[in-house]
Amino acid sequence: MSRDNLRTEAILALQARLGHRFKNPELLERALTHASAGQTVDRVRHNERMEFLGDRVLGLCIAETLLERHPTAPEGDLSKRLNALVSGASCAAVDRTLELGPALRMAGGETRSGLRDNDTVLGDACEALIAALYLDAGFAPTAAIVRALWAEAMDRVDSAGVLNPKSQLQEWAAAQRRAAPAYRVVGRTGPDHAPEFTVEVEVAGLDPATAVGGSRQAAEAAAALIMLRREGIAS
């Protein structure tokens, strides 16, 4: 099957996972077009401007949901939760669930370099996709899709008790006059479209902590959380 046919199938599958068939397919195409495609096609409309809009729509969807889920939470706590949920790593994780990578349009060389599985590229495409949903369907349907896609992440943030494990571990290490935590990838398994990273974090004077995640960033956060809990710094 040709690369174009594979991408067409990936786009159809993506819409099925979203539960939304685009009335204006051009919006979806633009959201899925990486800037590198402009290297081979003149005046291609890529997704960088849509990222700008999608970032704001995502923030509003998540903020509205947080207010409903935590009616008595102070503004500072809500802001921390919001920042964790709209981070590039969170967006990339959602894109991997949607299997968005194969649907992206980009220069051939970038595909060979692994850019389809890059957290930054996936996070940006996620924001652009949300903008496309908003422009195609309006806010309410987009918010419903975002709530469904982020439900697991919201539950995880609620149960973890730590909104940003890496930042908390770094702040604790600094307060203890220890060197900043050091992270290193000690293993990677799985196919390119669904990798699993094993990451180890070290803080001077403490035993290392190891965790596995679907991205390097997710594994680093999980390892930091393990160390925080093991040392009694977080519940």
C-alpha atoms as a PDB file:
ATOM      1  CA  MET A   1       0.000   0.000   0.000  1.00  0.00           C
ATOM      2  CA  SER A   2       1.341   3.459  -0.892  1.00  0.00           C
ATOM      3  CA  ARG A   3       2.320   6.019   1.740  1.00  0.00           C
ATOM      4  CA  ASP A   4      -0.615   8.245   0.676  1.00  0.00           C
ATOM      5  CA  ASN A   5      -3.098   5.401   1.093  1.00  0.00           C
ATOM      6  CA  LEU A   6      -1.688   4.524   4.496  1.00  0.00           C
ATOM      7  CA  ARG A   7      -2.042   8.125   5.600  1.00  0.00           C
ATOM      8  CA  THR A   8      -5.610   8.298   4.269  1.00  0.00           C
ATOM      9  CA  GLU A   9      -6.497   5.231   6.329  1.00  0.00           C
ATOM     10  CA  ALA A  10      -4.794   6.759   9.379  1.00  0.00           C
ATOM     11  CA  ILE A  11      -6.844   9.948   9.010  1.00  0.00           C
ATOM     12  CA  LEU A  12     -10.104   7.991   8.762  1.00  0.00           C
ATOM     13  CA  ALA A  13      -9.134   5.949  11.828  1.00  0.00           C
ATOM     14  CA  LEU A  14      -8.246   9.146  13.702  1.00  0.00           C
ATOM     15  CA  GLN A  15     -11.689  10.631  13.059  1.00  0.00           C
ATOM     16  CA  ALA A  16     -13.282   7.386  14.258  1.00  0.00           C
ATOM     17  CA  ARG A  17     -11.301   7.536  17.513  1.00  0.00           C
ATOM     18  CA  LEU A  18     -12.298  11.168  17.975  1.00  0.00           C
ATOM     19  CA  GLY A  19     -15.931  10.350  17.287  1.00  0.00           C
ATOM     20  CA  HIS A  20     -16.085  13.289  14.882  1.00  0.00           C
ATOM     21  CA  ARG A  21     -16.184  13.317  11.083  1.00  0.00           C
ATOM     22  CA  PHE A  22     -14.987  16.703   9.826  1.00  0.00           C
ATOM     23  CA  LYS A  23     -17.423  18.717   7.748  1.00  0.00           C
ATOM     24  CA  ASN A  24     -14.428  20.703   6.478  1.00  0.00           C
ATOM     25  CA  PRO A  25     -11.614  18.184   5.862  1.00  0.00           C
ATOM     26  CA  GLU A  26      -9.239  21.044   4.996  1.00  0.00           C
ATOM     27  CA  LEU A  27      -9.178  22.053   8.663  1.00  0.00           C
ATOM     28  CA  LEU A  28      -8.060  18.562   9.671  1.00  0.00           C
ATOM     29  CA  GLU A  29      -5.497  18.417   6.884  1.00  0.00           C
ATOM     30  CA  ARG A  30      -3.979  21.720   7.986  1.00  0.00           C
ATOM     31  CA  ALA A  31      -3.885  20.595  11.624  1.00  0.00           C
ATOM     32  CA  LEU A  32      -1.998  17.449  10.619  1.00  0.00           C
ATOM     33  CA  THR A  33       0.526  19.213   8.367  1.00  0.00           C
ATOM     34  CA  HIS A  34       3.944  19.768   9.936  1.00  0.00           C
ATOM     35  CA  ALA A  35       5.955  22.823   8.885  1.00  0.00           C
ATOM     36  CA  SER A  36       8.575  20.551   7.281  1.00  0.00           C
ATOM     37  CA  ALA A  37       6.069  19.751   4.506  1.00  0.00           C
ATOM     38  CA  GLY A  38       6.717  23.264   3.217  1.00  0.00           C
ATOM     39  CA  GLN A  39      10.235  22.202   2.297  1.00  0.00           C
ATOM     40  CA  THR A  40       8.847  20.184  -0.595  1.00  0.00           C
ATOM     41  CA  VAL A  41       5.549  21.917  -1.409  1.00  0.00           C
ATOM     42  CA  ASP A  42       5.353  25.659  -2.064  1.00  0.00           C
ATOM     43  CA  ARG A  43       2.924  27.694   0.057  1.00  0.00           C
ATOM     44  CA  VAL A  44       1.722  24.680   2.027  1.00  0.00           C
ATOM     45  CA  ARG A  45      -0.621  25.613   4.890  1.00  0.00           C
ATOM     46  CA  HIS A  46       0.874  23.985   7.988  1.00  0.00           C
ATOM     47  CA  ASN A  47      -0.361  23.804  11.567  1.00  0.00           C
ATOM     48  CA  GLU A  48       1.734  26.379  13.448  1.00  0.00           C
ATOM     49  CA  ARG A  49      -0.958  29.087  13.504  1.00  0.00           C
ATOM     50  CA  MET A  50      -3.579  26.534  14.521  1.00  0.00           C
ATOM     51  CA  GLU A  51      -1.425  25.549  17.503  1.00  0.00           C
ATOM     52  CA  PHE A  52      -1.895  29.095  18.831  1.00  0.00           C
ATOM     53  CA  LEU A  53      -5.678  28.789  18.787  1.00  0.00           C
ATOM     54  CA  GLY A  54      -5.740  25.184  19.958  1.00  0.00           C
ATOM     55  CA  ASP A  55      -3.627  25.982  22.995  1.00  0.00           C
ATOM     56  CA  ARG A  56      -6.233  28.525  24.159  1.00  0.00           C
ATOM     57  CA  VAL A  57      -9.198  26.255  23.419  1.00  0.00           C
ATOM     58  CA  LEU A  58      -7.563  23.357  25.278  1.00  0.00           C
ATOM     59  CA  GLY A  59      -6.799  25.588  28.251  1.00  0.00           C
ATOM     60  CA  LEU A  60     -10.411  26.776  28.428  1.00  0.00           C
ATOM     61  CA  CYS A  61     -11.788  23.216  28.160  1.00  0.00           C
ATOM     62  CA  ILE A  62      -9.508  21.934  30.921  1.00  0.00           C
ATOM     63  CA  ALA A  63     -10.046  25.002  33.141  1.00  0.00           C
ATOM     64  CA  GLU A  64     -13.821  24.655  32.909  1.00  0.00           C
ATOM     65  CA  THR A  65     -13.606  20.942  33.751  1.00  0.00           C
ATOM     66  CA  LEU A  66     -11.302  21.572  36.718  1.00  0.00           C
ATOM     67  CA  LEU A  67     -13.713  24.125  38.162  1.00  0.00           C
ATOM     68  CA  GLU A  68     -16.492  21.545  38.000  1.00  0.00           C
ATOM     69  CA  ARG A  69     -14.385  18.708  39.446  1.00  0.00           C
ATOM     70  CA  HIS A  70     -12.895  20.795  42.267  1.00  0.00           C
ATOM     71  CA  PRO A  71     -15.524  23.358  43.337  1.00  0.00           C
ATOM     72  CA  THR A  72     -13.668  24.348  46.539  1.00  0.00           C
ATOM     73  CA  ALA A  73     -10.064  24.217  45.298  1.00  0.00           C
ATOM     74  CA  PRO A  74      -8.056  27.471  45.533  1.00  0.00           C
ATOM     75  CA  GLU A  75      -6.875  29.215  42.382  1.00  0.00           C
ATOM     76  CA  GLY A  76      -3.252  28.219  42.951  1.00  0.00           C
ATOM     77  CA  ASP A  77      -4.092  24.522  43.076  1.00  0.00           C
ATOM     78  CA  LEU A  78      -6.252  24.800  39.967  1.00  0.00           C
ATOM     79  CA  SER A  79      -3.439  26.558  38.107  1.00  0.00           C
ATOM     80  CA  LYS A  80      -0.970  23.791  38.965  1.00  0.00           C
ATOM     81  CA  ARG A  81      -3.394  21.149  37.767  1.00  0.00           C
ATOM     82  CA  LEU A  82      -4.074  23.088  34.581  1.00  0.00           C
ATOM     83  CA  ASN A  83      -0.359  23.464  33.816  1.00  0.00           C
ATOM     84  CA  ALA A  84       0.215  19.741  34.312  1.00  0.00           C
ATOM     85  CA  LEU A  85      -2.710  18.765  32.093  1.00  0.00           C
ATOM     86  CA  VAL A  86      -1.970  21.083  29.159  1.00  0.00           C
ATOM     87  CA  SER A  87       1.779  20.410  29.110  1.00  0.00           C
ATOM     88  CA  GLY A  88       3.418  19.212  25.925  1.00  0.00           C
ATOM     89  CA  ALA A  89       3.979  15.799  27.470  1.00  0.00           C
ATOM     90  CA  SER A  90       0.270  15.448  28.300  1.00  0.00           C
ATOM     91  CA  CYS A  91      -0.725  16.456  24.776  1.00  0.00           C
ATOM     92  CA  ALA A  92       1.788  14.022  23.277  1.00  0.00           C
ATOM     93  CA  ALA A  93       0.410  11.217  25.441  1.00  0.00           C
ATOM     94  CA  VAL A  94      -3.103  11.921  24.145  1.00  0.00           C
ATOM     95  CA  ASP A  95      -1.811  11.883  20.564  1.00  0.00           C
ATOM     96  CA  ARG A  96      -0.231   8.486  21.107  1.00  0.00           C
ATOM     97  CA  THR A  97      -3.571   7.193  22.360  1.00  0.00           C
ATOM     98  CA  LEU A  98      -5.161   8.550  19.178  1.00  0.00           C
ATOM     99  CA  GLU A  99      -2.314   7.080  17.074  1.00  0.00           C
ATOM    100  CA  LEU A 100      -2.002  10.476  15.429  1.00  0.00           C
ATOM    101  CA  GLY A 101       1.603  10.048  14.233  1.00  0.00           C
ATOM    102  CA  PRO A 102       0.812   8.051  11.060  1.00  0.00           C
ATOM    103  CA  ALA A 103      -1.738  10.703  10.042  1.00  0.00           C
ATOM    104  CA  LEU A 104       0.796  13.546  10.086  1.00  0.00           C
ATOM    105  CA  ARG A 105       1.975  15.086   6.847  1.00  0.00           C
ATOM    106  CA  MET A 106       5.679  15.968   6.838  1.00  0.00           C
ATOM    107  CA  ALA A 107       8.809  15.826   4.737  1.00  0.00           C
ATOM    108  CA  GLY A 108      10.015  12.293   4.055  1.00  0.00           C
ATOM    109  CA  GLY A 109      13.356  12.857   5.729  1.00  0.00           C
ATOM    110  CA  GLU A 110      11.645  13.922   8.929  1.00  0.00           C
ATOM    111  CA  THR A 111       9.675  10.669   8.968  1.00  0.00           C
ATOM    112  CA  ARG A 112      12.902   8.698   8.757  1.00  0.00           C
ATOM    113  CA  SER A 113      14.388  10.733  11.595  1.00  0.00           C
ATOM    114  CA  GLY A 114      11.586   9.669  13.960  1.00  0.00           C
ATOM    115  CA  LEU A 115       9.867  13.046  14.086  1.00  0.00           C
ATOM    116  CA  ARG A 116       6.418  11.409  14.018  1.00  0.00           C
ATOM    117  CA  ASP A 117       7.052  10.173  17.559  1.00  0.00           C
ATOM    118  CA  ASN A 118       8.655  13.368  18.873  1.00  0.00           C
ATOM    119  CA  ASP A 119       6.877  14.760  21.957  1.00  0.00           C
ATOM    120  CA  THR A 120       7.114  18.364  20.765  1.00  0.00           C
ATOM    121  CA  VAL A 121       5.749  17.573  17.307  1.00  0.00           C
ATOM    122  CA  LEU A 122       2.930  15.465  18.745  1.00  0.00           C
ATOM    123  CA  GLY A 123       2.088  18.072  21.377  1.00  0.00           C
ATOM    124  CA  ASP A 124       1.912  20.819  18.759  1.00  0.00           C
ATOM    125  CA  ALA A 125      -0.224  18.651  16.475  1.00  0.00           C
ATOM    126  CA  CYS A 126      -2.558  17.919  19.384  1.00  0.00           C
ATOM    127  CA  GLU A 127      -3.173  21.638  19.927  1.00  0.00           C
ATOM    128  CA  ALA A 128      -3.710  22.158  16.194  1.00  0.00           C
ATOM    129  CA  LEU A 129      -6.170  19.258  16.113  1.00  0.00           C
ATOM    130  CA  ILE A 130      -8.174  20.827  18.938  1.00  0.00           C
ATOM    131  CA  ALA A 131      -8.274  24.101  17.005  1.00  0.00           C
ATOM    132  CA  ALA A 132      -9.557  22.228  13.952  1.00  0.00           C
ATOM    133  CA  LEU A 133     -12.274  20.566  16.046  1.00  0.00           C
ATOM    134  CA  TYR A 134     -13.289  23.947  17.477  1.00  0.00           C
ATOM    135  CA  LEU A 135     -13.485  25.594  14.053  1.00  0.00           C
ATOM    136  CA  ASP A 136     -15.385  22.650  12.571  1.00  0.00           C
ATOM    137  CA  ALA A 137     -17.821  21.845  15.388  1.00  0.00           C
ATOM    138  CA  GLY A 138     -17.812  24.691  17.935  1.00  0.00           C
ATOM    139  CA  PHE A 139     -16.837  24.788  21.582  1.00  0.00           C
ATOM    140  CA  ALA A 140     -19.307  22.393  23.234  1.00  0.00           C
ATOM    141  CA  PRO A 141     -18.549  19.339  21.052  1.00  0.00           C
ATOM    142  CA  THR A 142     -14.827  20.087  21.264  1.00  0.00           C
ATOM    143  CA  ALA A 143     -14.987  20.339  25.057  1.00  0.00           C
ATOM    144  CA  ALA A 144     -16.776  16.972  25.216  1.00  0.00           C
ATOM    145  CA  ILE A 145     -14.036  15.338  23.137  1.00  0.00           C
ATOM    146  CA  VAL A 146     -11.299  16.953  25.235  1.00  0.00           C
ATOM    147  CA  ARG A 147     -12.929  15.762  28.464  1.00  0.00           C
ATOM    148  CA  ALA A 148     -13.022  12.207  27.137  1.00  0.00           C
ATOM    149  CA  LEU A 149      -9.431  12.275  25.895  1.00  0.00           C
ATOM    150  CA  TRP A 150      -8.091  13.822  29.117  1.00  0.00           C
ATOM    151  CA  ALA A 151     -10.235  11.798  31.555  1.00  0.00           C
ATOM    152  CA  GLU A 152      -7.442   9.376  32.452  1.00  0.00           C
ATOM    153  CA  ALA A 153      -4.904  12.176  32.875  1.00  0.00           C
ATOM    154  CA  MET A 154      -7.277  14.098  35.150  1.00  0.00           C
ATOM    155  CA  ASP A 155      -7.870  11.029  37.291  1.00  0.00           C
ATOM    156  CA  ARG A 156      -4.124  10.457  37.487  1.00  0.00           C
ATOM    157  CA  VAL A 157      -3.465  14.049  38.570  1.00  0.00           C
ATOM    158  CA  ASP A 158      -6.229  13.777  41.183  1.00  0.00           C
ATOM    159  CA  SER A 159      -4.872  10.545  42.654  1.00  0.00           C
ATOM    160  CA  ALA A 160      -1.155  11.247  42.444  1.00  0.00           C
ATOM    161  CA  GLY A 161      -1.140  13.983  45.083  1.00  0.00           C
ATOM    162  CA  VAL A 162       1.792  15.523  43.207  1.00  0.00           C
ATOM    163  CA  LEU A 163       1.063  17.737  40.213  1.00  0.00           C
ATOM    164  CA  ASN A 164       4.597  18.104  38.917  1.00  0.00           C
ATOM    165  CA  PRO A 165       6.871  15.424  40.422  1.00  0.00           C
ATOM    166  CA  LYS A 166      10.025  16.598  38.640  1.00  0.00           C
ATOM    167  CA  SER A 167       9.661  20.164  39.865  1.00  0.00           C
ATOM    168  CA  GLN A 168       8.857  19.059  43.408  1.00  0.00           C
ATOM    169  CA  LEU A 169      11.858  16.714  43.504  1.00  0.00           C
ATOM    170  CA  GLN A 170      14.133  19.453  42.191  1.00  0.00           C
ATOM    171  CA  GLU A 171      12.841  21.944  44.767  1.00  0.00           C
ATOM    172  CA  TRP A 172      13.316  19.407  47.553  1.00  0.00           C
ATOM    173  CA  ALA A 173      16.871  18.592  46.421  1.00  0.00           C
ATOM    174  CA  ALA A 174      17.748  22.293  46.334  1.00  0.00           C
ATOM    175  CA  ALA A 175      16.301  22.820  49.828  1.00  0.00           C
ATOM    176  CA  GLN A 176      18.478  19.926  51.050  1.00  0.00           C
ATOM    177  CA  ARG A 177      21.529  21.465  49.339  1.00  0.00           C
ATOM    178  CA  ARG A 178      21.842  18.482  47.037  1.00  0.00           C
ATOM    179  CA  ALA A 179      22.667  18.532  43.327  1.00  0.00           C
ATOM    180  CA  ALA A 180      19.728  18.670  40.916  1.00  0.00           C
ATOM    181  CA  PRO A 181      18.170  15.295  40.070  1.00  0.00           C
ATOM    182  CA  ALA A 182      19.836  13.563  37.127  1.00  0.00           C
ATOM    183  CA  TYR A 183      17.748  11.503  34.711  1.00  0.00           C
ATOM    184  CA  ARG A 184      18.966   8.945  32.197  1.00  0.00           C
ATOM    185  CA  VAL A 185      17.272   6.506  29.846  1.00  0.00           C
ATOM    186  CA  VAL A 186      18.365   2.980  30.753  1.00  0.00           C
ATOM    187  CA  GLY A 187      16.139   1.126  28.290  1.00  0.00           C
ATOM    188  CA  ARG A 188      13.688   1.445  25.423  1.00  0.00           C
ATOM    189  CA  THR A 189      11.389  -1.249  24.077  1.00  0.00           C
ATOM    190  CA  GLY A 190       8.380  -1.486  21.783  1.00  0.00           C
ATOM    191  CA  PRO A 191       7.746  -0.275  18.220  1.00  0.00           C
ATOM    192  CA  ASP A 192       8.365   3.309  17.143  1.00  0.00           C
ATOM    193  CA  HIS A 193       4.658   4.186  17.296  1.00  0.00           C
ATOM    194  CA  ALA A 194       4.279   2.853  20.866  1.00  0.00           C
ATOM    195  CA  PRO A 195       7.636   2.900  22.652  1.00  0.00           C
ATOM    196  CA  GLU A 196       8.256   2.290  26.340  1.00  0.00           C
ATOM    197  CA  PHE A 197      11.105   4.148  28.025  1.00  0.00           C
ATOM    198  CA  THR A 198      12.790   3.039  31.232  1.00  0.00           C
ATOM    199  CA  VAL A 199      14.295   6.009  33.064  1.00  0.00           C
ATOM    200  CA  GLU A 200      16.414   6.193  36.202  1.00  0.00           C
ATOM    201  CA  VAL A 201      16.644   9.285  38.403  1.00  0.00           C
ATOM    202  CA  GLU A 202      19.502   9.899  40.816  1.00  0.00           C
ATOM    203  CA  VAL A 203      19.829  12.383  43.661  1.00  0.00           C
ATOM    204  CA  ALA A 204      23.075  12.523  45.606  1.00  0.00           C
ATOM    205  CA  GLY A 205      22.894  10.455  48.768  1.00  0.00           C
ATOM    206  CA  LEU A 206      19.770   8.537  47.732  1.00  0.00           C
ATOM    207  CA  ASP A 207      19.232   5.216  45.985  1.00  0.00           C
ATOM    208  CA  PRO A 208      18.170   5.679  42.353  1.00  0.00           C
ATOM    209  CA  ALA A 209      14.506   5.278  41.367  1.00  0.00           C
ATOM    210  CA  THR A 210      13.398   3.688  38.100  1.00  0.00           C
ATOM    211  CA  ALA A 211      10.128   3.895  36.175  1.00  0.00           C
ATOM    212  CA  VAL A 212       8.652   3.099  32.771  1.00  0.00           C
ATOM    213  CA  GLY A 213       6.565   5.430  30.582  1.00  0.00           C
ATOM    214  CA  GLY A 214       5.235   5.865  27.072  1.00  0.00           C
ATOM    215  CA  SER A 215       7.597   8.809  26.544  1.00  0.00           C
ATOM    216  CA  ARG A 216      10.861   9.891  28.107  1.00  0.00           C
ATOM    217  CA  GLN A 217       9.109  12.767  29.869  1.00  0.00           C
ATOM    218  CA  ALA A 218       6.388  10.496  31.282  1.00  0.00           C
ATOM    219  CA  ALA A 219       8.974   8.015  32.541  1.00  0.00           C
ATOM    220  CA  GLU A 220      11.007  10.816  34.154  1.00  0.00           C
ATOM    221  CA  ALA A 221       7.905  12.129  35.961  1.00  0.00           C
ATOM    222  CA  ALA A 222       7.016   8.621  37.143  1.00  0.00           C
ATOM    223  CA  ALA A 223      10.552   8.010  38.435  1.00  0.00           C
ATOM    224  CA  ALA A 224      10.514  11.343  40.283  1.00  0.00           C
ATOM    225  CA  LEU A 225       7.173  10.455  41.877  1.00  0.00           C
ATOM    226  CA  ILE A 226       8.507   7.063  43.002  1.00  0.00           C
ATOM    227  CA  MET A 227      11.468   8.737  44.680  1.00  0.00           C
ATOM    228  CA  LEU A 228       9.274  11.388  46.325  1.00  0.00           C
ATOM    229  CA  ARG A 229       6.999   8.735  47.802  1.00  0.00           C
ATOM    230  CA  ARG A 230       9.811   6.397  48.808  1.00  0.00           C
ATOM    231  CA  GLU A 231      11.557   9.178  50.723  1.00  0.00           C
ATOM    232  CA  GLY A 232       8.338  10.301  52.384  1.00  0.00           C
ATOM    233  CA  ILE A 233       8.343  13.643  50.605  1.00  0.00           C
ATOM    234  CA  ALA A 234       4.960  12.979  48.985  1.00  0.00           C
ATOM    235  CA  SER A 235       2.076  10.683  49.871  1.00  0.00           C
END
